[in-house]
């Protein structure tokens, strides 16, 4: 069965850093592009970052996180990461990893990130 399991969230002060991980199983990880989304309370789900399949030569970011967040992956470990630096209160959200498919998308259950003093 396909599974995506996020981890690494928590409470951090403004200006701090966190690294999120998403461990994948049940599918050929390197054949899929991977994405990170987030959803703040009462707001729509937002695409944060994406990385291309295979060697991951192409990445993209939302304007709100560009220059602060970095997406990367380790194909051998079947894991995609999101390094988050210079965190702001507006980054507070549940963060989800996503594997887009032709027919449907795979989703994890999310990990909570709270940025507060």
C-alpha atoms as a PDB file:
ATOM      1  CA  UNK A   1       0.000   0.000   0.000  1.00  0.00           C
ATOM      2  CA  UNK A   2       1.164   3.519  -0.793  1.00  0.00           C
ATOM      3  CA  UNK A   3       2.153   5.503   2.282  1.00  0.00           C
ATOM      4  CA  UNK A   4       3.565   8.984   2.813  1.00  0.00           C
ATOM      5  CA  UNK A   5       4.533   9.795   6.400  1.00  0.00           C
ATOM      6  CA  UNK A   6       5.566  13.326   7.349  1.00  0.00           C
ATOM      7  CA  UNK A   7       7.668  14.145  10.399  1.00  0.00           C
ATOM      8  CA  UNK A   8       9.772  16.953  11.850  1.00  0.00           C
ATOM      9  CA  UNK A   9       7.111  19.491  12.710  1.00  0.00           C
ATOM     10  CA  UNK A  10       6.843  21.268  16.028  1.00  0.00           C
ATOM     11  CA  UNK A  11       6.894  24.606  17.814  1.00  0.00           C
ATOM     12  CA  UNK A  12       9.605  27.075  16.827  1.00  0.00           C
ATOM     13  CA  UNK A  13      10.255  30.767  17.472  1.00  0.00           C
ATOM     14  CA  UNK A  14      10.172  33.327  14.649  1.00  0.00           C
ATOM     15  CA  UNK A  15      13.481  33.297  12.806  1.00  0.00           C
ATOM     16  CA  UNK A  16      14.110  29.673  13.664  1.00  0.00           C
ATOM     17  CA  UNK A  17      14.490  26.629  11.431  1.00  0.00           C
ATOM     18  CA  UNK A  18      12.942  23.211  10.977  1.00  0.00           C
ATOM     19  CA  UNK A  19      13.513  20.342   8.575  1.00  0.00           C
ATOM     20  CA  UNK A  20      10.511  18.282   7.557  1.00  0.00           C
ATOM     21  CA  UNK A  21      10.805  14.754   6.206  1.00  0.00           C
ATOM     22  CA  UNK A  22       8.388  12.649   4.190  1.00  0.00           C
ATOM     23  CA  UNK A  23       9.097   8.920   4.062  1.00  0.00           C
ATOM     24  CA  UNK A  24       7.522   7.142   1.095  1.00  0.00           C
ATOM     25  CA  UNK A  25       6.722   3.478   0.562  1.00  0.00           C
ATOM     26  CA  UNK A  26       4.585   1.286  -1.672  1.00  0.00           C
ATOM     27  CA  UNK A  27       5.534   2.858  -5.006  1.00  0.00           C
ATOM     28  CA  UNK A  28       8.567   3.575  -7.158  1.00  0.00           C
ATOM     29  CA  UNK A  29       9.728   6.741  -5.446  1.00  0.00           C
ATOM     30  CA  UNK A  30      12.149   7.939  -8.130  1.00  0.00           C
ATOM     31  CA  UNK A  31       9.427   7.786 -10.805  1.00  0.00           C
ATOM     32  CA  UNK A  32       7.357  10.482  -9.100  1.00  0.00           C
ATOM     33  CA  UNK A  33       7.738  14.192  -8.716  1.00  0.00           C
ATOM     34  CA  UNK A  34       7.182  15.202  -5.103  1.00  0.00           C
ATOM     35  CA  UNK A  35       5.544  18.269  -3.627  1.00  0.00           C
ATOM     36  CA  UNK A  36       5.035  19.955  -0.286  1.00  0.00           C
ATOM     37  CA  UNK A  37       1.742  21.681   0.495  1.00  0.00           C
ATOM     38  CA  UNK A  38       0.549  23.480   3.589  1.00  0.00           C
ATOM     39  CA  UNK A  39      -2.815  24.474   4.973  1.00  0.00           C
ATOM     40  CA  UNK A  40      -3.291  27.051   7.694  1.00  0.00           C
ATOM     41  CA  UNK A  41      -6.415  27.049   9.841  1.00  0.00           C
ATOM     42  CA  UNK A  42      -9.308  28.557   7.920  1.00  0.00           C
ATOM     43  CA  UNK A  43      -7.321  28.948   4.696  1.00  0.00           C
ATOM     44  CA  UNK A  44      -6.992  27.092   1.410  1.00  0.00           C
ATOM     45  CA  UNK A  45      -4.312  24.508   0.793  1.00  0.00           C
ATOM     46  CA  UNK A  46      -1.205  26.092  -0.735  1.00  0.00           C
ATOM     47  CA  UNK A  47       1.529  24.579  -2.879  1.00  0.00           C
ATOM     48  CA  UNK A  48       4.841  25.361  -1.186  1.00  0.00           C
ATOM     49  CA  UNK A  49       7.528  23.569  -3.190  1.00  0.00           C
ATOM     50  CA  UNK A  50       8.050  20.872  -5.789  1.00  0.00           C
ATOM     51  CA  UNK A  51      10.888  18.734  -7.103  1.00  0.00           C
ATOM     52  CA  UNK A  52      11.015  16.786 -10.358  1.00  0.00           C
ATOM     53  CA  UNK A  53      11.196  13.019 -10.643  1.00  0.00           C
ATOM     54  CA  UNK A  54      14.409  11.103 -11.209  1.00  0.00           C
ATOM     55  CA  UNK A  55      17.462  13.124 -10.251  1.00  0.00           C
ATOM     56  CA  UNK A  56      15.339  16.073  -9.128  1.00  0.00           C
ATOM     57  CA  UNK A  57      17.058  18.602 -11.353  1.00  0.00           C
ATOM     58  CA  UNK A  58      14.129  21.024 -11.298  1.00  0.00           C
ATOM     59  CA  UNK A  59      12.554  22.684  -8.291  1.00  0.00           C
ATOM     60  CA  UNK A  60       9.940  25.372  -7.808  1.00  0.00           C
ATOM     61  CA  UNK A  61       8.689  27.413  -4.864  1.00  0.00           C
ATOM     62  CA  UNK A  62       5.846  29.699  -3.967  1.00  0.00           C
ATOM     63  CA  UNK A  63       6.773  33.367  -3.775  1.00  0.00           C
ATOM     64  CA  UNK A  64       6.061  33.422  -0.051  1.00  0.00           C
ATOM     65  CA  UNK A  65       8.803  30.882   0.758  1.00  0.00           C
ATOM     66  CA  UNK A  66      11.327  31.446  -2.031  1.00  0.00           C
ATOM     67  CA  UNK A  67      14.779  32.096  -0.612  1.00  0.00           C
ATOM     68  CA  UNK A  68      13.854  30.663   2.793  1.00  0.00           C
ATOM     69  CA  UNK A  69      12.765  27.078   2.063  1.00  0.00           C
ATOM     70  CA  UNK A  70      14.613  24.355   0.155  1.00  0.00           C
ATOM     71  CA  UNK A  71      13.134  21.107  -1.144  1.00  0.00           C
ATOM     72  CA  UNK A  72      15.419  18.121  -1.663  1.00  0.00           C
ATOM     73  CA  UNK A  73      15.211  14.350  -1.788  1.00  0.00           C
ATOM     74  CA  UNK A  74      17.191  11.172  -1.283  1.00  0.00           C
ATOM     75  CA  UNK A  75      16.061   8.515  -3.743  1.00  0.00           C
ATOM     76  CA  UNK A  76      17.959   5.774  -1.914  1.00  0.00           C
ATOM     77  CA  UNK A  77      16.104   6.576   1.310  1.00  0.00           C
ATOM     78  CA  UNK A  78      12.747   7.171  -0.447  1.00  0.00           C
ATOM     79  CA  UNK A  79      12.489  10.456   1.423  1.00  0.00           C
ATOM     80  CA  UNK A  80      11.767  14.043   0.435  1.00  0.00           C
ATOM     81  CA  UNK A  81      12.759  16.954   2.694  1.00  0.00           C
ATOM     82  CA  UNK A  82      11.750  20.543   3.250  1.00  0.00           C
ATOM     83  CA  UNK A  83      14.354  22.714   4.951  1.00  0.00           C
ATOM     84  CA  UNK A  84      12.634  25.780   6.414  1.00  0.00           C
ATOM     85  CA  UNK A  85      14.718  28.754   7.548  1.00  0.00           C
ATOM     86  CA  UNK A  86      13.835  32.239   8.796  1.00  0.00           C
ATOM     87  CA  UNK A  87      10.418  31.021   9.834  1.00  0.00           C
ATOM     88  CA  UNK A  88       7.586  33.493  10.249  1.00  0.00           C
ATOM     89  CA  UNK A  89       4.267  33.245  12.113  1.00  0.00           C
ATOM     90  CA  UNK A  90       2.528  33.120   8.706  1.00  0.00           C
ATOM     91  CA  UNK A  91       4.300  29.813   8.059  1.00  0.00           C
ATOM     92  CA  UNK A  92       2.162  28.190  10.763  1.00  0.00           C
ATOM     93  CA  UNK A  93       0.209  25.388   9.093  1.00  0.00           C
ATOM     94  CA  UNK A  94      -0.135  21.660   8.667  1.00  0.00           C
ATOM     95  CA  UNK A  95       2.416  20.576   6.087  1.00  0.00           C
ATOM     96  CA  UNK A  96       1.654  17.707   3.706  1.00  0.00           C
ATOM     97  CA  UNK A  97       3.763  15.851   1.172  1.00  0.00           C
ATOM     98  CA  UNK A  98       2.175  14.846  -2.112  1.00  0.00           C
ATOM     99  CA  UNK A  99       3.028  12.507  -4.981  1.00  0.00           C
ATOM    100  CA  UNK A 100       1.062  13.543  -8.086  1.00  0.00           C
ATOM    101  CA  UNK A 101      -0.128  10.695 -10.295  1.00  0.00           C
ATOM    102  CA  UNK A 102      -1.848  10.538 -13.670  1.00  0.00           C
ATOM    103  CA  UNK A 103      -5.061   9.177 -12.164  1.00  0.00           C
ATOM    104  CA  UNK A 104      -4.922  10.506  -8.599  1.00  0.00           C
ATOM    105  CA  UNK A 105      -2.575  11.961  -5.995  1.00  0.00           C
ATOM    106  CA  UNK A 106      -1.056  10.321  -2.942  1.00  0.00           C
ATOM    107  CA  UNK A 107      -1.090  12.304   0.312  1.00  0.00           C
ATOM    108  CA  UNK A 108       0.412  12.010   3.750  1.00  0.00           C
ATOM    109  CA  UNK A 109      -1.449  12.808   6.969  1.00  0.00           C
ATOM    110  CA  UNK A 110       0.523  15.976   7.649  1.00  0.00           C
ATOM    111  CA  UNK A 111       2.758  17.416  10.347  1.00  0.00           C
ATOM    112  CA  UNK A 112       1.986  20.552  12.354  1.00  0.00           C
ATOM    113  CA  UNK A 113       4.372  23.506  12.226  1.00  0.00           C
ATOM    114  CA  UNK A 114       3.726  26.337  14.674  1.00  0.00           C
ATOM    115  CA  UNK A 115       5.843  29.509  14.588  1.00  0.00           C
ATOM    116  CA  UNK A 116       5.260  31.596  17.694  1.00  0.00           C
ATOM    117  CA  UNK A 117       7.114  33.397  20.445  1.00  0.00           C
END
